[in-house]
Amino acid sequence: KSQFSLNFWKILFILTILIFKFDDVIVYLIISLMLSVFIS
């Protein structure tokens, strides 16, 4: 659970970059962090 909180956002981050072809990195970063906080 500790590692999930620390690292799951990174997995979401790369998925958004590859799926949406990377436009605004900070927006994808925030989305990834928000979802990880919610699940954690």
PDB file of all heavy atoms in Angstrom:
ATOM      1  N   LYS A   1       0.837  -1.205   0.000  1.00  0.00           N
ATOM      2  CA  LYS A   1       0.000   0.000   0.000  1.00  0.00           C
ATOM      3  C   LYS A   1       0.874   1.258   0.000  1.00  0.00           C
ATOM      4  O   LYS A   1       0.529   2.273  -0.615  1.00  0.00           O
ATOM      5  CB  LYS A   1      -0.939  -0.010   1.203  1.00  0.00           C
ATOM      6  CG  LYS A   1      -1.996  -1.107   1.130  1.00  0.00           C
ATOM      7  CD  LYS A   1      -2.912  -1.108   2.352  1.00  0.00           C
ATOM      8  CE  LYS A   1      -3.944  -2.225   2.254  1.00  0.00           C
ATOM      9  NZ  LYS A   1      -4.846  -2.269   3.423  1.00  0.00           N
ATOM     10  N   SER A   2       1.998   1.165   0.687  1.00  0.00           N
ATOM     11  CA  SER A   2       2.941   2.274   0.689  1.00  0.00           C
ATOM     12  C   SER A   2       3.488   2.525  -0.709  1.00  0.00           C
ATOM     13  O   SER A   2       3.537   3.664  -1.189  1.00  0.00           O
ATOM     14  CB  SER A   2       4.096   1.976   1.649  1.00  0.00           C
ATOM     15  OG  SER A   2       5.097   2.961   1.570  1.00  0.00           O
ATOM     16  N   GLN A   3       3.880   1.453  -1.370  1.00  0.00           N
ATOM     17  CA  GLN A   3       4.410   1.586  -2.727  1.00  0.00           C
ATOM     18  C   GLN A   3       3.330   2.013  -3.717  1.00  0.00           C
ATOM     19  O   GLN A   3       3.619   2.719  -4.679  1.00  0.00           O
ATOM     20  CB  GLN A   3       5.046   0.262  -3.166  1.00  0.00           C
ATOM     21  CG  GLN A   3       6.382  -0.019  -2.531  1.00  0.00           C
ATOM     22  CD  GLN A   3       7.416   1.040  -2.843  1.00  0.00           C
ATOM     23  OE1 GLN A   3       7.356   1.707  -3.871  1.00  0.00           O
ATOM     24  NE2 GLN A   3       8.369   1.228  -1.958  1.00  0.00           N
ATOM     25  N   PHE A   4       2.108   1.604  -3.486  1.00  0.00           N
ATOM     26  CA  PHE A   4       1.002   2.030  -4.353  1.00  0.00           C
ATOM     27  C   PHE A   4       0.868   3.553  -4.302  1.00  0.00           C
ATOM     28  O   PHE A   4       0.774   4.215  -5.351  1.00  0.00           O
ATOM     29  CB  PHE A   4      -0.305   1.374  -3.913  1.00  0.00           C
ATOM     30  CG  PHE A   4      -1.469   1.703  -4.805  1.00  0.00           C
ATOM     31  CD1 PHE A   4      -1.813   0.869  -5.864  1.00  0.00           C
ATOM     32  CD2 PHE A   4      -2.213   2.855  -4.600  1.00  0.00           C
ATOM     33  CE1 PHE A   4      -2.878   1.186  -6.701  1.00  0.00           C
ATOM     34  CE2 PHE A   4      -3.281   3.182  -5.421  1.00  0.00           C
ATOM     35  CZ  PHE A   4      -3.612   2.343  -6.475  1.00  0.00           C
ATOM     36  N   SER A   5       0.836   4.110  -3.110  1.00  0.00           N
ATOM     37  CA  SER A   5       0.715   5.561  -2.961  1.00  0.00           C
ATOM     38  C   SER A   5       1.882   6.285  -3.603  1.00  0.00           C
ATOM     39  O   SER A   5       1.719   7.356  -4.190  1.00  0.00           O
ATOM     40  CB  SER A   5       0.630   5.942  -1.473  1.00  0.00           C
ATOM     41  OG  SER A   5      -0.519   5.395  -0.880  1.00  0.00           O
ATOM     42  N   LEU A   6       3.045   5.689  -3.506  1.00  0.00           N
ATOM     43  CA  LEU A   6       4.255   6.343  -4.004  1.00  0.00           C
ATOM     44  C   LEU A   6       4.445   6.205  -5.509  1.00  0.00           C
ATOM     45  O   LEU A   6       5.034   7.080  -6.155  1.00  0.00           O
ATOM     46  CB  LEU A   6       5.476   5.749  -3.281  1.00  0.00           C
ATOM     47  CG  LEU A   6       6.742   6.593  -3.200  1.00  0.00           C
ATOM     48  CD1 LEU A   6       6.476   7.892  -2.465  1.00  0.00           C
ATOM     49  CD2 LEU A   6       7.841   5.813  -2.500  1.00  0.00           C
ATOM     50  N   ASN A   7       3.904   5.136  -6.103  1.00  0.00           N
ATOM     51  CA  ASN A   7       4.266   4.828  -7.489  1.00  0.00           C
ATOM     52  C   ASN A   7       3.120   4.669  -8.480  1.00  0.00           C
ATOM     53  O   ASN A   7       3.369   4.713  -9.693  1.00  0.00           O
ATOM     54  CB  ASN A   7       5.105   3.540  -7.517  1.00  0.00           C
ATOM     55  CG  ASN A   7       6.502   3.760  -7.003  1.00  0.00           C
ATOM     56  OD1 ASN A   7       7.316   4.407  -7.642  1.00  0.00           O
ATOM     57  ND2 ASN A   7       6.780   3.242  -5.812  1.00  0.00           N
ATOM     58  N   PHE A   8       1.890   4.471  -8.029  1.00  0.00           N
ATOM     59  CA  PHE A   8       0.814   4.217  -8.982  1.00  0.00           C
ATOM     60  C   PHE A   8       0.580   5.387  -9.920  1.00  0.00           C
ATOM     61  O   PHE A   8       0.240   5.205 -11.091  1.00  0.00           O
ATOM     62  CB  PHE A   8      -0.478   3.868  -8.237  1.00  0.00           C
ATOM     63  CG  PHE A   8      -1.600   3.466  -9.155  1.00  0.00           C
ATOM     64  CD1 PHE A   8      -1.515   2.299  -9.908  1.00  0.00           C
ATOM     65  CD2 PHE A   8      -2.734   4.255  -9.277  1.00  0.00           C
ATOM     66  CE1 PHE A   8      -2.547   1.929 -10.772  1.00  0.00           C
ATOM     67  CE2 PHE A   8      -3.771   3.889 -10.130  1.00  0.00           C
ATOM     68  CZ  PHE A   8      -3.674   2.731 -10.874  1.00  0.00           C
ATOM     69  N   TRP A   9       0.769   6.607  -9.432  1.00  0.00           N
ATOM     70  CA  TRP A   9       0.573   7.778 -10.286  1.00  0.00           C
ATOM     71  C   TRP A   9       1.525   7.772 -11.480  1.00  0.00           C
ATOM     72  O   TRP A   9       1.190   8.284 -12.560  1.00  0.00           O
ATOM     73  CB  TRP A   9       0.747   9.074  -9.476  1.00  0.00           C
ATOM     74  CG  TRP A   9       2.151   9.360  -9.027  1.00  0.00           C
ATOM     75  CD1 TRP A   9       2.734   9.008  -7.854  1.00  0.00           C
ATOM     76  CD2 TRP A   9       3.145  10.089  -9.760  1.00  0.00           C
ATOM     77  NE1 TRP A   9       4.028   9.449  -7.804  1.00  0.00           N
ATOM     78  CE2 TRP A   9       4.320  10.124  -8.954  1.00  0.00           C
ATOM     79  CE3 TRP A   9       3.174  10.709 -11.006  1.00  0.00           C
ATOM     80  CZ2 TRP A   9       5.480  10.759  -9.359  1.00  0.00           C
ATOM     81  CZ3 TRP A   9       4.339  11.346 -11.419  1.00  0.00           C
ATOM     82  CH2 TRP A   9       5.479  11.362 -10.594  1.00  0.00           C
ATOM     83  N   LYS A  10       2.707   7.177 -11.303  1.00  0.00           N
ATOM     84  CA  LYS A  10       3.684   7.124 -12.396  1.00  0.00           C
ATOM     85  C   LYS A  10       3.184   6.225 -13.526  1.00  0.00           C
ATOM     86  O   LYS A  10       3.399   6.520 -14.713  1.00  0.00           O
ATOM     87  CB  LYS A  10       5.027   6.599 -11.872  1.00  0.00           C
ATOM     88  CG  LYS A  10       5.629   7.468 -10.783  1.00  0.00           C
ATOM     89  CD  LYS A  10       6.850   6.813 -10.156  1.00  0.00           C
ATOM     90  CE  LYS A  10       7.363   7.613  -8.968  1.00  0.00           C
ATOM     91  NZ  LYS A  10       8.483   6.936  -8.281  1.00  0.00           N
ATOM     92  N   ILE A  11       2.510   5.134 -13.146  1.00  0.00           N
ATOM     93  CA  ILE A  11       1.938   4.227 -14.154  1.00  0.00           C
ATOM     94  C   ILE A  11       0.815   4.931 -14.921  1.00  0.00           C
ATOM     95  O   ILE A  11       0.745   4.859 -16.151  1.00  0.00           O
ATOM     96  CB  ILE A  11       1.417   2.948 -13.472  1.00  0.00           C
ATOM     97  CG1 ILE A  11       2.562   2.212 -12.759  1.00  0.00           C
ATOM     98  CG2 ILE A  11       0.741   2.020 -14.490  1.00  0.00           C
ATOM     99  CD1 ILE A  11       2.113   1.053 -11.883  1.00  0.00           C
ATOM    100  N   LEU A  12      -0.048   5.628 -14.194  1.00  0.00           N
ATOM    101  CA  LEU A  12      -1.125   6.386 -14.844  1.00  0.00           C
ATOM    102  C   LEU A  12      -0.552   7.478 -15.737  1.00  0.00           C
ATOM    103  O   LEU A  12      -1.073   7.750 -16.822  1.00  0.00           O
ATOM    104  CB  LEU A  12      -2.035   7.013 -13.780  1.00  0.00           C
ATOM    105  CG  LEU A  12      -2.869   6.063 -12.930  1.00  0.00           C
ATOM    106  CD1 LEU A  12      -3.652   6.851 -11.875  1.00  0.00           C
ATOM    107  CD2 LEU A  12      -3.834   5.259 -13.796  1.00  0.00           C
ATOM    108  N   PHE A  13       0.513   8.092 -15.291  1.00  0.00           N
ATOM    109  CA  PHE A  13       1.134   9.200 -16.030  1.00  0.00           C
ATOM    110  C   PHE A  13       1.631   8.756 -17.399  1.00  0.00           C
ATOM    111  O   PHE A  13       1.340   9.385 -18.419  1.00  0.00           O
ATOM    112  CB  PHE A  13       2.279   9.777 -15.188  1.00  0.00           C
ATOM    113  CG  PHE A  13       2.999  10.925 -15.830  1.00  0.00           C
ATOM    114  CD1 PHE A  13       2.306  12.066 -16.195  1.00  0.00           C
ATOM    115  CD2 PHE A  13       4.361  10.861 -16.055  1.00  0.00           C
ATOM    116  CE1 PHE A  13       2.972  13.146 -16.779  1.00  0.00           C
ATOM    117  CE2 PHE A  13       5.038  11.916 -16.629  1.00  0.00           C
ATOM    118  CZ  PHE A  13       4.340  13.063 -16.997  1.00  0.00           C
ATOM    119  N   ILE A  14       2.379   7.650 -17.447  1.00  0.00           N
ATOM    120  CA  ILE A  14       2.900   7.197 -18.739  1.00  0.00           C
ATOM    121  C   ILE A  14       1.773   6.724 -19.651  1.00  0.00           C
ATOM    122  O   ILE A  14       1.820   6.912 -20.868  1.00  0.00           O
ATOM    123  CB  ILE A  14       3.976   6.086 -18.560  1.00  0.00           C
ATOM    124  CG1 ILE A  14       4.599   5.713 -19.914  1.00  0.00           C
ATOM    125  CG2 ILE A  14       3.397   4.849 -17.896  1.00  0.00           C
ATOM    126  CD1 ILE A  14       5.243   6.851 -20.645  1.00  0.00           C
ATOM    127  N   LEU A  15       0.723   6.132 -19.058  1.00  0.00           N
ATOM    128  CA  LEU A  15      -0.412   5.686 -19.874  1.00  0.00           C
ATOM    129  C   LEU A  15      -1.101   6.875 -20.543  1.00  0.00           C
ATOM    130  O   LEU A  15      -1.452   6.814 -21.731  1.00  0.00           O
ATOM    131  CB  LEU A  15      -1.417   4.910 -19.013  1.00  0.00           C
ATOM    132  CG  LEU A  15      -0.976   3.517 -18.552  1.00  0.00           C
ATOM    133  CD1 LEU A  15      -2.021   2.909 -17.620  1.00  0.00           C
ATOM    134  CD2 LEU A  15      -0.726   2.607 -19.749  1.00  0.00           C
ATOM    135  N   THR A  16      -1.283   7.964 -19.811  1.00  0.00           N
ATOM    136  CA  THR A  16      -1.918   9.152 -20.406  1.00  0.00           C
ATOM    137  C   THR A  16      -1.039   9.759 -21.498  1.00  0.00           C
ATOM    138  O   THR A  16      -1.542  10.226 -22.520  1.00  0.00           O
ATOM    139  CB  THR A  16      -2.206  10.217 -19.331  1.00  0.00           C
ATOM    140  OG1 THR A  16      -1.000  10.545 -18.636  1.00  0.00           O
ATOM    141  CG2 THR A  16      -3.238   9.730 -18.339  1.00  0.00           C
ATOM    142  N   ILE A  17       0.261   9.741 -21.283  1.00  0.00           N
ATOM    143  CA  ILE A  17       1.181  10.282 -22.300  1.00  0.00           C
ATOM    144  C   ILE A  17       1.115   9.469 -23.585  1.00  0.00           C
ATOM    145  O   ILE A  17       1.017  10.017 -24.689  1.00  0.00           O
ATOM    146  CB  ILE A  17       2.635  10.302 -21.768  1.00  0.00           C
ATOM    147  CG1 ILE A  17       2.792  11.387 -20.703  1.00  0.00           C
ATOM    148  CG2 ILE A  17       3.617  10.569 -22.909  1.00  0.00           C
ATOM    149  CD1 ILE A  17       4.172  11.444 -20.097  1.00  0.00           C
ATOM    150  N   LEU A  18       1.159   8.148 -23.444  1.00  0.00           N
ATOM    151  CA  LEU A  18       1.181   7.281 -24.628  1.00  0.00           C
ATOM    152  C   LEU A  18      -0.176   7.227 -25.330  1.00  0.00           C
ATOM    153  O   LEU A  18      -0.242   7.162 -26.554  1.00  0.00           O
ATOM    154  CB  LEU A  18       1.630   5.874 -24.233  1.00  0.00           C
ATOM    155  CG  LEU A  18       3.068   5.753 -23.705  1.00  0.00           C
ATOM    156  CD1 LEU A  18       3.373   4.321 -23.297  1.00  0.00           C
ATOM    157  CD2 LEU A  18       4.074   6.237 -24.748  1.00  0.00           C
ATOM    158  N   ILE A  19      -1.255   7.270 -24.557  1.00  0.00           N
ATOM    159  CA  ILE A  19      -2.596   7.185 -25.157  1.00  0.00           C
ATOM    160  C   ILE A  19      -2.976   8.494 -25.833  1.00  0.00           C
ATOM    161  O   ILE A  19      -3.467   8.514 -26.956  1.00  0.00           O
ATOM    162  CB  ILE A  19      -3.645   6.812 -24.083  1.00  0.00           C
ATOM    163  CG1 ILE A  19      -3.417   5.367 -23.619  1.00  0.00           C
ATOM    164  CG2 ILE A  19      -5.067   6.957 -24.651  1.00  0.00           C
ATOM    165  CD1 ILE A  19      -4.271   4.978 -22.421  1.00  0.00           C
ATOM    166  N   PHE A  20      -2.707   9.621 -25.128  1.00  0.00           N
ATOM    167  CA  PHE A  20      -3.128  10.917 -25.652  1.00  0.00           C
ATOM    168  C   PHE A  20      -2.012  11.662 -26.378  1.00  0.00           C
ATOM    169  O   PHE A  20      -2.143  12.824 -26.735  1.00  0.00           O
ATOM    170  CB  PHE A  20      -3.687  11.787 -24.521  1.00  0.00           C
ATOM    171  CG  PHE A  20      -4.891  11.188 -23.860  1.00  0.00           C
ATOM    172  CD1 PHE A  20      -4.794  10.596 -22.604  1.00  0.00           C
ATOM    173  CD2 PHE A  20      -6.118  11.181 -24.497  1.00  0.00           C
ATOM    174  CE1 PHE A  20      -5.905  10.025 -21.986  1.00  0.00           C
ATOM    175  CE2 PHE A  20      -7.237  10.610 -23.893  1.00  0.00           C
ATOM    176  CZ  PHE A  20      -7.125  10.032 -22.639  1.00  0.00           C
ATOM    177  N   LYS A  21      -0.878  10.971 -26.551  1.00  0.00           N
ATOM    178  CA  LYS A  21       0.238  11.483 -27.343  1.00  0.00           C
ATOM    179  C   LYS A  21       0.889  12.752 -26.791  1.00  0.00           C
ATOM    180  O   LYS A  21       1.504  13.508 -27.541  1.00  0.00           O
ATOM    181  CB  LYS A  21      -0.200  11.717 -28.803  1.00  0.00           C
ATOM    182  CG  LYS A  21      -0.662  10.470 -29.519  1.00  0.00           C
ATOM    183  CD  LYS A  21       0.420   9.403 -29.540  1.00  0.00           C
ATOM    184  CE  LYS A  21      -0.029   8.147 -30.261  1.00  0.00           C
ATOM    185  NZ  LYS A  21       0.979   7.075 -30.214  1.00  0.00           N
ATOM    186  N   PHE A  22       0.746  12.988 -25.489  1.00  0.00           N
ATOM    187  CA  PHE A  22       1.512  14.023 -24.800  1.00  0.00           C
ATOM    188  C   PHE A  22       1.289  15.431 -25.362  1.00  0.00           C
ATOM    189  O   PHE A  22       1.806  15.804 -26.388  1.00  0.00           O
ATOM    190  CB  PHE A  22       3.009  13.679 -24.857  1.00  0.00           C
ATOM    191  CG  PHE A  22       3.851  14.623 -24.038  1.00  0.00           C
ATOM    192  CD1 PHE A  22       3.977  14.453 -22.676  1.00  0.00           C
ATOM    193  CD2 PHE A  22       4.515  15.671 -24.645  1.00  0.00           C
ATOM    194  CE1 PHE A  22       4.763  15.306 -21.934  1.00  0.00           C
ATOM    195  CE2 PHE A  22       5.302  16.535 -23.908  1.00  0.00           C
ATOM    196  CZ  PHE A  22       5.428  16.348 -22.550  1.00  0.00           C
ATOM    197  N   ASP A  23       0.507  16.195 -24.652  1.00  0.00           N
ATOM    198  CA  ASP A  23       0.265  17.570 -25.049  1.00  0.00           C
ATOM    199  C   ASP A  23       0.744  18.513 -23.957  1.00  0.00           C
ATOM    200  O   ASP A  23       1.732  19.204 -24.118  1.00  0.00           O
ATOM    201  CB  ASP A  23      -1.230  17.767 -25.343  1.00  0.00           C
ATOM    202  CG  ASP A  23      -1.544  19.158 -25.815  1.00  0.00           C
ATOM    203  OD1 ASP A  23      -0.606  19.854 -26.280  1.00  0.00           O
ATOM    204  OD2 ASP A  23      -2.698  19.573 -25.701  1.00  0.00           O
ATOM    205  N   ASP A  24       0.049  18.510 -22.832  1.00  0.00           N
ATOM    206  CA  ASP A  24       0.428  19.334 -21.693  1.00  0.00           C
ATOM    207  C   ASP A  24       0.767  18.416 -20.524  1.00  0.00           C
ATOM    208  O   ASP A  24      -0.111  17.873 -19.860  1.00  0.00           O
ATOM    209  CB  ASP A  24      -0.730  20.270 -21.327  1.00  0.00           C
ATOM    210  CG  ASP A  24      -0.288  21.349 -20.347  1.00  0.00           C
ATOM    211  OD1 ASP A  24       0.755  21.161 -19.691  1.00  0.00           O
ATOM    212  OD2 ASP A  24      -0.980  22.373 -20.239  1.00  0.00           O
ATOM    213  N   VAL A  25       2.042  18.240 -20.252  1.00  0.00           N
ATOM    214  CA  VAL A  25       2.510  17.249 -19.289  1.00  0.00           C
ATOM    215  C   VAL A  25       1.965  17.498 -17.884  1.00  0.00           C
ATOM    216  O   VAL A  25       1.637  16.560 -17.158  1.00  0.00           O
ATOM    217  CB  VAL A  25       4.056  17.202 -19.269  1.00  0.00           C
ATOM    218  CG1 VAL A  25       4.652  18.506 -18.818  1.00  0.00           C
ATOM    219  CG2 VAL A  25       4.544  16.059 -18.397  1.00  0.00           C
ATOM    220  N   ILE A  26       1.843  18.756 -17.483  1.00  0.00           N
ATOM    221  CA  ILE A  26       1.417  19.051 -16.123  1.00  0.00           C
ATOM    222  C   ILE A  26      -0.039  18.670 -15.890  1.00  0.00           C
ATOM    223  O   ILE A  26      -0.418  18.260 -14.797  1.00  0.00           O
ATOM    224  CB  ILE A  26       1.663  20.542 -15.788  1.00  0.00           C
ATOM    225  CG1 ILE A  26       1.693  20.768 -14.261  1.00  0.00           C
ATOM    226  CG2 ILE A  26       0.648  21.431 -16.449  1.00  0.00           C
ATOM    227  CD1 ILE A  26       2.890  20.223 -13.581  1.00  0.00           C
ATOM    228  N   VAL A  27      -0.889  18.768 -16.925  1.00  0.00           N
ATOM    229  CA  VAL A  27      -2.293  18.368 -16.804  1.00  0.00           C
ATOM    230  C   VAL A  27      -2.393  16.867 -16.578  1.00  0.00           C
ATOM    231  O   VAL A  27      -3.130  16.388 -15.707  1.00  0.00           O
ATOM    232  CB  VAL A  27      -3.096  18.776 -18.045  1.00  0.00           C
ATOM    233  CG1 VAL A  27      -4.506  18.186 -18.000  1.00  0.00           C
ATOM    234  CG2 VAL A  27      -3.179  20.288 -18.156  1.00  0.00           C
ATOM    235  N   TYR A  28      -1.648  16.097 -17.363  1.00  0.00           N
ATOM    236  CA  TYR A  28      -1.635  14.643 -17.202  1.00  0.00           C
ATOM    237  C   TYR A  28      -1.094  14.253 -15.830  1.00  0.00           C
ATOM    238  O   TYR A  28      -1.547  13.296 -15.204  1.00  0.00           O
ATOM    239  CB  TYR A  28      -0.791  13.997 -18.293  1.00  0.00           C
ATOM    240  CG  TYR A  28      -1.379  14.126 -19.673  1.00  0.00           C
ATOM    241  CD1 TYR A  28      -0.558  14.216 -20.793  1.00  0.00           C
ATOM    242  CD2 TYR A  28      -2.754  14.166 -19.873  1.00  0.00           C
ATOM    243  CE1 TYR A  28      -1.093  14.334 -22.068  1.00  0.00           C
ATOM    244  CE2 TYR A  28      -3.293  14.287 -21.131  1.00  0.00           C
ATOM    245  CZ  TYR A  28      -2.464  14.367 -22.230  1.00  0.00           C
ATOM    246  OH  TYR A  28      -3.009  14.493 -23.485  1.00  0.00           O
ATOM    247  N   LEU A  29      -0.103  15.009 -15.366  1.00  0.00           N
ATOM    248  CA  LEU A  29       0.483  14.753 -14.054  1.00  0.00           C
ATOM    249  C   LEU A  29      -0.552  14.949 -12.949  1.00  0.00           C
ATOM    250  O   LEU A  29      -0.690  14.113 -12.052  1.00  0.00           O
ATOM    251  CB  LEU A  29       1.672  15.687 -13.837  1.00  0.00           C
ATOM    252  CG  LEU A  29       2.433  15.551 -12.516  1.00  0.00           C
ATOM    253  CD1 LEU A  29       3.092  14.189 -12.413  1.00  0.00           C
ATOM    254  CD2 LEU A  29       3.460  16.655 -12.377  1.00  0.00           C
ATOM    255  N   ILE A  30      -1.306  16.027 -13.019  1.00  0.00           N
ATOM    256  CA  ILE A  30      -2.317  16.326 -12.001  1.00  0.00           C
ATOM    257  C   ILE A  30      -3.417  15.272 -11.998  1.00  0.00           C
ATOM    258  O   ILE A  30      -3.851  14.805 -10.934  1.00  0.00           O
ATOM    259  CB  ILE A  30      -2.911  17.731 -12.223  1.00  0.00           C
ATOM    260  CG1 ILE A  30      -1.862  18.794 -11.886  1.00  0.00           C
ATOM    261  CG2 ILE A  30      -4.157  17.936 -11.361  1.00  0.00           C
ATOM    262  CD1 ILE A  30      -2.271  20.198 -12.251  1.00  0.00           C
ATOM    263  N   ILE A  31      -3.881  14.876 -13.174  1.00  0.00           N
ATOM    264  CA  ILE A  31      -4.911  13.836 -13.273  1.00  0.00           C
ATOM    265  C   ILE A  31      -4.422  12.538 -12.620  1.00  0.00           C
ATOM    266  O   ILE A  31      -5.147  11.895 -11.851  1.00  0.00           O
ATOM    267  CB  ILE A  31      -5.296  13.581 -14.736  1.00  0.00           C
ATOM    268  CG1 ILE A  31      -6.019  14.805 -15.307  1.00  0.00           C
ATOM    269  CG2 ILE A  31      -6.189  12.345 -14.863  1.00  0.00           C
ATOM    270  CD1 ILE A  31      -6.251  14.744 -16.800  1.00  0.00           C
ATOM    271  N   SER A  32      -3.184  12.163 -12.921  1.00  0.00           N
ATOM    272  CA  SER A  32      -2.604  10.936 -12.365  1.00  0.00           C
ATOM    273  C   SER A  32      -2.484  11.014 -10.843  1.00  0.00           C
ATOM    274  O   SER A  32      -2.795  10.054 -10.122  1.00  0.00           O
ATOM    275  CB  SER A  32      -1.223  10.691 -12.977  1.00  0.00           C
ATOM    276  OG  SER A  32      -1.297  10.622 -14.384  1.00  0.00           O
ATOM    277  N   LEU A  33      -2.039  12.164 -10.336  1.00  0.00           N
ATOM    278  CA  LEU A  33      -1.889  12.344  -8.896  1.00  0.00           C
ATOM    279  C   LEU A  33      -3.244  12.323  -8.186  1.00  0.00           C
ATOM    280  O   LEU A  33      -3.391  11.711  -7.115  1.00  0.00           O
ATOM    281  CB  LEU A  33      -1.165  13.665  -8.604  1.00  0.00           C
ATOM    282  CG  LEU A  33       0.321  13.722  -8.981  1.00  0.00           C
ATOM    283  CD1 LEU A  33       0.837  15.157  -8.856  1.00  0.00           C
ATOM    284  CD2 LEU A  33       1.152  12.791  -8.108  1.00  0.00           C
ATOM    285  N   MET A  34      -4.253  12.980  -8.766  1.00  0.00           N
ATOM    286  CA  MET A  34      -5.579  13.028  -8.152  1.00  0.00           C
ATOM    287  C   MET A  34      -6.197  11.634  -8.022  1.00  0.00           C
ATOM    288  O   MET A  34      -6.742  11.277  -6.972  1.00  0.00           O
ATOM    289  CB  MET A  34      -6.505  13.946  -8.960  1.00  0.00           C
ATOM    290  CG  MET A  34      -6.187  15.417  -8.826  1.00  0.00           C
ATOM    291  SD  MET A  34      -7.309  16.479  -9.762  1.00  0.00           S
ATOM    292  CE  MET A  34      -8.795  16.354  -8.785  1.00  0.00           C
ATOM    293  N   LEU A  35      -6.108  10.852  -9.078  1.00  0.00           N
ATOM    294  CA  LEU A  35      -6.662   9.497  -9.042  1.00  0.00           C
ATOM    295  C   LEU A  35      -5.934   8.638  -8.010  1.00  0.00           C
ATOM    296  O   LEU A  35      -6.552   7.850  -7.280  1.00  0.00           O
ATOM    297  CB  LEU A  35      -6.569   8.850 -10.434  1.00  0.00           C
ATOM    298  CG  LEU A  35      -7.544   9.368 -11.484  1.00  0.00           C
ATOM    299  CD1 LEU A  35      -7.207   8.796 -12.850  1.00  0.00           C
ATOM    300  CD2 LEU A  35      -8.984   9.017 -11.108  1.00  0.00           C
ATOM    301  N   SER A  36      -4.624   8.799  -7.914  1.00  0.00           N
ATOM    302  CA  SER A  36      -3.836   8.020  -6.954  1.00  0.00           C
ATOM    303  C   SER A  36      -4.168   8.405  -5.517  1.00  0.00           C
ATOM    304  O   SER A  36      -4.236   7.542  -4.634  1.00  0.00           O
ATOM    305  CB  SER A  36      -2.340   8.225  -7.220  1.00  0.00           C
ATOM    306  OG  SER A  36      -1.979   7.683  -8.473  1.00  0.00           O
ATOM    307  N   VAL A  37      -4.371   9.697  -5.262  1.00  0.00           N
ATOM    308  CA  VAL A  37      -4.755  10.153  -3.922  1.00  0.00           C
ATOM    309  C   VAL A  37      -6.110   9.560  -3.531  1.00  0.00           C
ATOM    310  O   VAL A  37      -6.300   9.079  -2.401  1.00  0.00           O
ATOM    311  CB  VAL A  37      -4.821  11.698  -3.864  1.00  0.00           C
ATOM    312  CG1 VAL A  37      -5.546  12.163  -2.597  1.00  0.00           C
ATOM    313  CG2 VAL A  37      -3.417  12.279  -3.901  1.00  0.00           C
ATOM    314  N   PHE A  38      -7.052   9.584  -4.462  1.00  0.00           N
ATOM    315  CA  PHE A  38      -8.396   9.062  -4.213  1.00  0.00           C
ATOM    316  C   PHE A  38      -8.349   7.577  -3.841  1.00  0.00           C
ATOM    317  O   PHE A  38      -8.946   7.145  -2.846  1.00  0.00           O
ATOM    318  CB  PHE A  38      -9.259   9.267  -5.459  1.00  0.00           C
ATOM    319  CG  PHE A  38     -10.664   8.756  -5.328  1.00  0.00           C
ATOM    320  CD1 PHE A  38     -11.619   9.486  -4.623  1.00  0.00           C
ATOM    321  CD2 PHE A  38     -11.036   7.542  -5.899  1.00  0.00           C
ATOM    322  CE1 PHE A  38     -12.919   9.008  -4.491  1.00  0.00           C
ATOM    323  CE2 PHE A  38     -12.329   7.061  -5.773  1.00  0.00           C
ATOM    324  CZ  PHE A  38     -13.275   7.794  -5.073  1.00  0.00           C
ATOM    325  N   ILE A  39      -7.606   6.790  -4.613  1.00  0.00           N
ATOM    326  CA  ILE A  39      -7.527   5.350  -4.358  1.00  0.00           C
ATOM    327  C   ILE A  39      -6.748   5.072  -3.074  1.00  0.00           C
ATOM    328  O   ILE A  39      -7.131   4.200  -2.269  1.00  0.00           O
ATOM    329  CB  ILE A  39      -6.875   4.620  -5.550  1.00  0.00           C
ATOM    330  CG1 ILE A  39      -7.715   4.817  -6.834  1.00  0.00           C
ATOM    331  CG2 ILE A  39      -6.733   3.127  -5.260  1.00  0.00           C
ATOM    332  CD1 ILE A  39      -7.047   4.314  -8.081  1.00  0.00           C
ATOM    333  N   SER A  40      -5.664   5.816  -2.840  1.00  0.00           N
ATOM    334  CA  SER A  40      -4.840   5.606  -1.648  1.00  0.00           C
ATOM    335  C   SER A  40      -5.624   5.860  -0.373  1.00  0.00           C
ATOM    336  O   SER A  40      -5.431   5.165   0.636  1.00  0.00           O
ATOM    337  CB  SER A  40      -3.614   6.528  -1.683  1.00  0.00           C
ATOM    338  OG  SER A  40      -2.747   6.171  -2.735  1.00  0.00           O
TER     339      SER A  40
END
